[in-house]
Amino acid sequence: MARPRNFDRDYVLDRALRAFWRHGYEATSVQTLVDAMGISRASLYNAFGSKHDLFIEVLRHYEAQQMGPIIDRLRDASAPAPAAIRGVLEAAGQSGPAQGRGCLMTNTATEMCMRDAECAEHVQANFERLTDAFAAAIERGQDAGALPVDRDPRAAARYLTNALQGLRVMTAAGTDGEAIDDIVNVTMQVVSD
């Protein structure tokens, strides 16, 4: 008979998330995970299966914690759409090398997606949800007269998703604040002029 788990699943997922986020998938050993999570190898394997299974669960956990609020911000009908979009871009521009991690989804896209179909599927679904939220914000802005109606909301949303991912990479690489401001301003011009 298996012993019951005696750890808080969200807590250990947070700890695993930090380890994967800091080191990337390949460079995070099982021992690093065990040490970070404060559980035994047996508990890790019993609770999560493999390192890969744990990583997929960490991606879901990250999305709920980090991406969920971004999507909620873009879908918030009480916020003017241009301000919501700018706020999301500016927040990404402030999360740079001081955090030393970048965006886990972006990091996963560049590290794993070429060789791991499950990761690619998960990252692509996340990008699609982000695109849907940008499109909803654009449509809301168009309906309110705050954004031009001659733009295809879906095409503009794809542009914004791409711009956000590029901004995250530039920020993680240490791009200075003035350059980040330029990127945000030009991105907003493309959407709102």
C-alpha atoms as a PDB file:
ATOM      1  CA  MET A   1       0.000   0.000   0.000  1.00  0.00           C
ATOM      2  CA  ALA A   2       1.392   3.385  -1.012  1.00  0.00           C
ATOM      3  CA  ARG A   3       2.043   5.917   1.707  1.00  0.00           C
ATOM      4  CA  PRO A   4      -0.019   9.087   1.481  1.00  0.00           C
ATOM      5  CA  ARG A   5       1.757  12.220   0.262  1.00  0.00           C
ATOM      6  CA  ASN A   6       2.749  14.562   3.040  1.00  0.00           C
ATOM      7  CA  PHE A   7       3.637  17.673   1.075  1.00  0.00           C
ATOM      8  CA  ASP A   8       1.758  20.624  -0.373  1.00  0.00           C
ATOM      9  CA  ARG A   9       1.611  20.015  -4.128  1.00  0.00           C
ATOM     10  CA  ASP A  10       1.419  23.709  -5.045  1.00  0.00           C
ATOM     11  CA  TYR A  11       4.389  24.478  -2.823  1.00  0.00           C
ATOM     12  CA  VAL A  12       6.611  21.827  -4.391  1.00  0.00           C
ATOM     13  CA  LEU A  13       5.434  22.850  -7.876  1.00  0.00           C
ATOM     14  CA  ASP A  14       6.472  26.429  -7.067  1.00  0.00           C
ATOM     15  CA  ARG A  15       9.876  25.162  -6.034  1.00  0.00           C
ATOM     16  CA  ALA A  16      10.238  23.014  -9.158  1.00  0.00           C
ATOM     17  CA  LEU A  17       9.084  25.944 -11.292  1.00  0.00           C
ATOM     18  CA  ARG A  18      11.857  28.129  -9.863  1.00  0.00           C
ATOM     19  CA  ALA A  19      14.461  25.462 -10.568  1.00  0.00           C
ATOM     20  CA  PHE A  20      13.338  24.900 -14.176  1.00  0.00           C
ATOM     21  CA  TRP A  21      12.919  28.636 -14.722  1.00  0.00           C
ATOM     22  CA  ARG A  22      16.409  29.384 -13.435  1.00  0.00           C
ATOM     23  CA  HIS A  23      18.281  26.568 -15.179  1.00  0.00           C
ATOM     24  CA  GLY A  24      16.109  25.418 -18.088  1.00  0.00           C
ATOM     25  CA  TYR A  25      14.837  21.904 -18.595  1.00  0.00           C
ATOM     26  CA  GLU A  26      18.045  20.176 -19.705  1.00  0.00           C
ATOM     27  CA  ALA A  27      20.296  21.751 -17.058  1.00  0.00           C
ATOM     28  CA  THR A  28      17.918  20.943 -14.196  1.00  0.00           C
ATOM     29  CA  SER A  29      18.889  17.545 -12.833  1.00  0.00           C
ATOM     30  CA  VAL A  30      16.584  15.334 -10.813  1.00  0.00           C
ATOM     31  CA  GLN A  31      18.871  15.973  -7.843  1.00  0.00           C
ATOM     32  CA  THR A  32      18.455  19.732  -8.321  1.00  0.00           C
ATOM     33  CA  LEU A  33      14.686  19.219  -8.326  1.00  0.00           C
ATOM     34  CA  VAL A  34      14.754  16.996  -5.229  1.00  0.00           C
ATOM     35  CA  ASP A  35      16.857  19.588  -3.391  1.00  0.00           C
ATOM     36  CA  ALA A  36      14.679  22.490  -4.537  1.00  0.00           C
ATOM     37  CA  MET A  37      11.382  20.774  -3.813  1.00  0.00           C
ATOM     38  CA  GLY A  38      12.440  19.356  -0.457  1.00  0.00           C
ATOM     39  CA  ILE A  39      11.104  15.887  -1.249  1.00  0.00           C
ATOM     40  CA  SER A  40      12.739  12.534  -1.908  1.00  0.00           C
ATOM     41  CA  ARG A  41      13.351  11.075  -5.347  1.00  0.00           C
ATOM     42  CA  ALA A  42      10.752   8.421  -4.631  1.00  0.00           C
ATOM     43  CA  SER A  43       8.190  11.096  -3.743  1.00  0.00           C
ATOM     44  CA  LEU A  44       9.008  13.026  -6.895  1.00  0.00           C
ATOM     45  CA  TYR A  45       8.549   9.962  -9.104  1.00  0.00           C
ATOM     46  CA  ASN A  46       5.469   8.726  -7.209  1.00  0.00           C
ATOM     47  CA  ALA A  47       3.742  12.114  -7.306  1.00  0.00           C
ATOM     48  CA  PHE A  48       4.761  13.356 -10.743  1.00  0.00           C
ATOM     49  CA  GLY A  49       6.006  10.408 -12.802  1.00  0.00           C
ATOM     50  CA  SER A  50       9.084  11.502 -14.687  1.00  0.00           C
ATOM     51  CA  LYS A  51      11.101  14.713 -14.856  1.00  0.00           C
ATOM     52  CA  HIS A  52       9.322  15.429 -18.136  1.00  0.00           C
ATOM     53  CA  ASP A  53       5.880  14.858 -16.612  1.00  0.00           C
ATOM     54  CA  LEU A  54       6.817  17.196 -13.776  1.00  0.00           C
ATOM     55  CA  PHE A  55       7.950  19.813 -16.291  1.00  0.00           C
ATOM     56  CA  ILE A  56       4.614  19.666 -18.141  1.00  0.00           C
ATOM     57  CA  GLU A  57       2.788  20.124 -14.841  1.00  0.00           C
ATOM     58  CA  VAL A  58       5.112  23.027 -14.009  1.00  0.00           C
ATOM     59  CA  LEU A  59       4.212  24.652 -17.345  1.00  0.00           C
ATOM     60  CA  ARG A  60       0.519  24.415 -16.415  1.00  0.00           C
ATOM     61  CA  HIS A  61       1.260  25.788 -12.960  1.00  0.00           C
ATOM     62  CA  TYR A  62       3.268  28.666 -14.454  1.00  0.00           C
ATOM     63  CA  GLU A  63       0.503  29.476 -16.883  1.00  0.00           C
ATOM     64  CA  ALA A  64      -2.050  29.713 -14.089  1.00  0.00           C
ATOM     65  CA  GLN A  65       0.239  31.875 -11.951  1.00  0.00           C
ATOM     66  CA  GLN A  66       1.955  34.077 -14.512  1.00  0.00           C
ATOM     67  CA  MET A  67      -0.019  34.011 -17.733  1.00  0.00           C
ATOM     68  CA  GLY A  68      -3.505  33.913 -16.226  1.00  0.00           C
ATOM     69  CA  PRO A  69      -3.244  37.443 -14.793  1.00  0.00           C
ATOM     70  CA  ILE A  70      -1.958  38.787 -18.139  1.00  0.00           C
ATOM     71  CA  ILE A  71      -4.879  37.249 -19.986  1.00  0.00           C
ATOM     72  CA  ASP A  72      -7.289  38.535 -17.325  1.00  0.00           C
ATOM     73  CA  ARG A  73      -5.835  42.041 -17.697  1.00  0.00           C
ATOM     74  CA  LEU A  74      -6.364  41.986 -21.454  1.00  0.00           C
ATOM     75  CA  ARG A  75      -9.929  40.695 -21.071  1.00  0.00           C
ATOM     76  CA  ASP A  76     -10.894  43.186 -18.335  1.00  0.00           C
ATOM     77  CA  ALA A  77     -13.807  45.097 -19.884  1.00  0.00           C
ATOM     78  CA  SER A  78     -13.435  47.930 -17.354  1.00  0.00           C
ATOM     79  CA  ALA A  79      -9.929  48.822 -18.598  1.00  0.00           C
ATOM     80  CA  PRO A  80      -9.430  50.854 -21.782  1.00  0.00           C
ATOM     81  CA  ALA A  81      -7.980  48.453 -24.353  1.00  0.00           C
ATOM     82  CA  PRO A  82      -4.918  50.545 -25.349  1.00  0.00           C
ATOM     83  CA  ALA A  83      -3.951  50.960 -21.684  1.00  0.00           C
ATOM     84  CA  ALA A  84      -4.376  47.229 -21.024  1.00  0.00           C
ATOM     85  CA  ILE A  85      -2.229  46.310 -24.024  1.00  0.00           C
ATOM     86  CA  ARG A  86       0.458  48.865 -23.134  1.00  0.00           C
ATOM     87  CA  GLY A  87       0.421  47.674 -19.524  1.00  0.00           C
ATOM     88  CA  VAL A  88       1.087  44.087 -20.562  1.00  0.00           C
ATOM     89  CA  LEU A  89       3.971  45.152 -22.819  1.00  0.00           C
ATOM     90  CA  GLU A  90       5.476  47.468 -20.197  1.00  0.00           C
ATOM     91  CA  ALA A  91       5.270  44.793 -17.509  1.00  0.00           C
ATOM     92  CA  ALA A  92       7.173  42.387 -19.772  1.00  0.00           C
ATOM     93  CA  GLY A  93       9.789  45.091 -20.315  1.00  0.00           C
ATOM     94  CA  GLN A  94      10.342  45.400 -16.567  1.00  0.00           C
ATOM     95  CA  SER A  95      10.961  41.706 -15.918  1.00  0.00           C
ATOM     96  CA  GLY A  96      14.453  41.480 -17.280  1.00  0.00           C
ATOM     97  CA  PRO A  97      17.851  40.306 -16.175  1.00  0.00           C
ATOM     98  CA  ALA A  98      17.313  41.415 -12.579  1.00  0.00           C
ATOM     99  CA  GLN A  99      14.985  38.437 -12.301  1.00  0.00           C
ATOM    100  CA  GLY A 100      17.425  36.445 -14.386  1.00  0.00           C
ATOM    101  CA  ARG A 101      14.796  34.149 -15.802  1.00  0.00           C
ATOM    102  CA  GLY A 102      12.826  35.670 -18.654  1.00  0.00           C
ATOM    103  CA  CYS A 103       9.479  34.025 -19.414  1.00  0.00           C
ATOM    104  CA  LEU A 104       9.253  30.274 -18.843  1.00  0.00           C
ATOM    105  CA  MET A 105       6.989  29.824 -21.902  1.00  0.00           C
ATOM    106  CA  THR A 106       9.393  31.763 -24.108  1.00  0.00           C
ATOM    107  CA  ASN A 107      12.355  29.889 -22.639  1.00  0.00           C
ATOM    108  CA  THR A 108      10.580  26.581 -23.271  1.00  0.00           C
ATOM    109  CA  ALA A 109       9.768  27.595 -26.841  1.00  0.00           C
ATOM    110  CA  THR A 110      13.430  28.207 -27.586  1.00  0.00           C
ATOM    111  CA  GLU A 111      14.852  25.272 -25.607  1.00  0.00           C
ATOM    112  CA  MET A 112      12.366  22.460 -26.053  1.00  0.00           C
ATOM    113  CA  CYS A 113       9.825  22.922 -28.828  1.00  0.00           C
ATOM    114  CA  MET A 114      12.038  21.830 -31.733  1.00  0.00           C
ATOM    115  CA  ARG A 115      12.470  18.369 -30.211  1.00  0.00           C
ATOM    116  CA  ASP A 116       9.563  17.861 -27.826  1.00  0.00           C
ATOM    117  CA  ALA A 117       6.089  17.699 -29.368  1.00  0.00           C
ATOM    118  CA  GLU A 118       4.282  17.795 -26.017  1.00  0.00           C
ATOM    119  CA  CYS A 119       6.098  20.955 -24.946  1.00  0.00           C
ATOM    120  CA  ALA A 120       5.510  22.497 -28.366  1.00  0.00           C
ATOM    121  CA  GLU A 121       1.809  21.732 -28.141  1.00  0.00           C
ATOM    122  CA  HIS A 122       1.558  23.237 -24.682  1.00  0.00           C
ATOM    123  CA  VAL A 123       3.519  26.392 -25.586  1.00  0.00           C
ATOM    124  CA  GLN A 124       1.535  26.866 -28.791  1.00  0.00           C
ATOM    125  CA  ALA A 125      -1.749  26.530 -26.887  1.00  0.00           C
ATOM    126  CA  ASN A 126      -0.508  29.140 -24.423  1.00  0.00           C
ATOM    127  CA  PHE A 127       0.432  31.518 -27.246  1.00  0.00           C
ATOM    128  CA  GLU A 128      -2.992  30.928 -28.791  1.00  0.00           C
ATOM    129  CA  ARG A 129      -4.736  31.843 -25.517  1.00  0.00           C
ATOM    130  CA  LEU A 130      -2.615  34.983 -25.336  1.00  0.00           C
ATOM    131  CA  THR A 131      -3.509  35.829 -28.940  1.00  0.00           C
ATOM    132  CA  ASP A 132      -7.211  35.318 -28.163  1.00  0.00           C
ATOM    133  CA  ALA A 133      -6.921  37.738 -25.228  1.00  0.00           C
ATOM    134  CA  PHE A 134      -5.119  40.346 -27.345  1.00  0.00           C
ATOM    135  CA  ALA A 135      -7.813  39.972 -30.028  1.00  0.00           C
ATOM    136  CA  ALA A 136     -10.549  40.481 -27.436  1.00  0.00           C
ATOM    137  CA  ALA A 137      -8.817  43.645 -26.206  1.00  0.00           C
ATOM    138  CA  ILE A 138      -8.429  44.953 -29.754  1.00  0.00           C
ATOM    139  CA  GLU A 139     -12.085  44.295 -30.557  1.00  0.00           C
ATOM    140  CA  ARG A 140     -13.097  46.024 -27.332  1.00  0.00           C
ATOM    141  CA  GLY A 141     -10.909  48.993 -28.268  1.00  0.00           C
ATOM    142  CA  GLN A 142     -12.375  49.116 -31.759  1.00  0.00           C
ATOM    143  CA  ASP A 143     -15.923  49.019 -30.391  1.00  0.00           C
ATOM    144  CA  ALA A 144     -15.080  51.902 -28.034  1.00  0.00           C
ATOM    145  CA  GLY A 145     -13.468  53.950 -30.822  1.00  0.00           C
ATOM    146  CA  ALA A 146     -10.073  53.794 -29.099  1.00  0.00           C
ATOM    147  CA  LEU A 147      -8.383  51.648 -31.770  1.00  0.00           C
ATOM    148  CA  PRO A 148      -8.643  51.822 -35.567  1.00  0.00           C
ATOM    149  CA  VAL A 149     -11.377  49.650 -37.047  1.00  0.00           C
ATOM    150  CA  ASP A 150      -9.474  49.038 -40.283  1.00  0.00           C
ATOM    151  CA  ARG A 151      -7.230  46.465 -38.577  1.00  0.00           C
ATOM    152  CA  ASP A 152      -7.988  42.775 -38.512  1.00  0.00           C
ATOM    153  CA  PRO A 153      -8.119  42.071 -34.749  1.00  0.00           C
ATOM    154  CA  ARG A 154      -6.745  38.548 -35.146  1.00  0.00           C
ATOM    155  CA  ALA A 155      -3.791  39.626 -37.293  1.00  0.00           C
ATOM    156  CA  ALA A 156      -3.004  42.495 -34.904  1.00  0.00           C
ATOM    157  CA  ALA A 157      -3.276  40.099 -31.948  1.00  0.00           C
ATOM    158  CA  ARG A 158      -0.792  37.728 -33.571  1.00  0.00           C
ATOM    159  CA  TYR A 159       1.551  40.666 -34.078  1.00  0.00           C
ATOM    160  CA  LEU A 160       1.216  41.599 -30.390  1.00  0.00           C
ATOM    161  CA  THR A 161       1.857  38.027 -29.235  1.00  0.00           C
ATOM    162  CA  ASN A 162       4.992  37.963 -31.372  1.00  0.00           C
ATOM    163  CA  ALA A 163       6.060  41.404 -30.146  1.00  0.00           C
ATOM    164  CA  LEU A 164       5.530  40.373 -26.519  1.00  0.00           C
ATOM    165  CA  GLN A 165       7.678  37.254 -26.931  1.00  0.00           C
ATOM    166  CA  GLY A 166      10.425  39.270 -28.640  1.00  0.00           C
ATOM    167  CA  LEU A 167      10.220  41.893 -25.916  1.00  0.00           C
ATOM    168  CA  ARG A 168      10.650  39.188 -23.279  1.00  0.00           C
ATOM    169  CA  VAL A 169      13.761  37.877 -25.020  1.00  0.00           C
ATOM    170  CA  MET A 170      15.231  41.379 -25.387  1.00  0.00           C
ATOM    171  CA  THR A 171      14.505  42.160 -21.743  1.00  0.00           C
ATOM    172  CA  ALA A 172      16.003  38.891 -20.501  1.00  0.00           C
ATOM    173  CA  ALA A 173      19.120  39.635 -22.563  1.00  0.00           C
ATOM    174  CA  GLY A 174      19.599  42.883 -20.670  1.00  0.00           C
ATOM    175  CA  THR A 175      18.382  45.417 -23.219  1.00  0.00           C
ATOM    176  CA  ASP A 176      18.365  48.863 -21.604  1.00  0.00           C
ATOM    177  CA  GLY A 177      15.189  50.631 -20.514  1.00  0.00           C
ATOM    178  CA  GLU A 178      15.282  53.272 -23.258  1.00  0.00           C
ATOM    179  CA  ALA A 179      15.366  50.600 -25.961  1.00  0.00           C
ATOM    180  CA  ILE A 180      12.546  48.696 -24.237  1.00  0.00           C
ATOM    181  CA  ASP A 181      10.474  51.896 -24.147  1.00  0.00           C
ATOM    182  CA  ASP A 182      11.116  52.342 -27.891  1.00  0.00           C
ATOM    183  CA  ILE A 183       9.933  48.789 -28.570  1.00  0.00           C
ATOM    184  CA  VAL A 184       6.753  49.297 -26.543  1.00  0.00           C
ATOM    185  CA  ASN A 185       6.042  52.683 -28.163  1.00  0.00           C
ATOM    186  CA  VAL A 186       6.518  51.443 -31.728  1.00  0.00           C
ATOM    187  CA  THR A 187       4.451  48.333 -31.012  1.00  0.00           C
ATOM    188  CA  MET A 188       1.630  50.532 -29.735  1.00  0.00           C
ATOM    189  CA  GLN A 189       1.917  52.759 -32.829  1.00  0.00           C
ATOM    190  CA  VAL A 190       1.504  49.759 -35.095  1.00  0.00           C
ATOM    191  CA  VAL A 191      -1.676  48.765 -33.267  1.00  0.00           C
ATOM    192  CA  SER A 192      -3.203  52.162 -32.630  1.00  0.00           C
ATOM    193  CA  ASP A 193      -2.249  54.438 -35.553  1.00  0.00           C
END
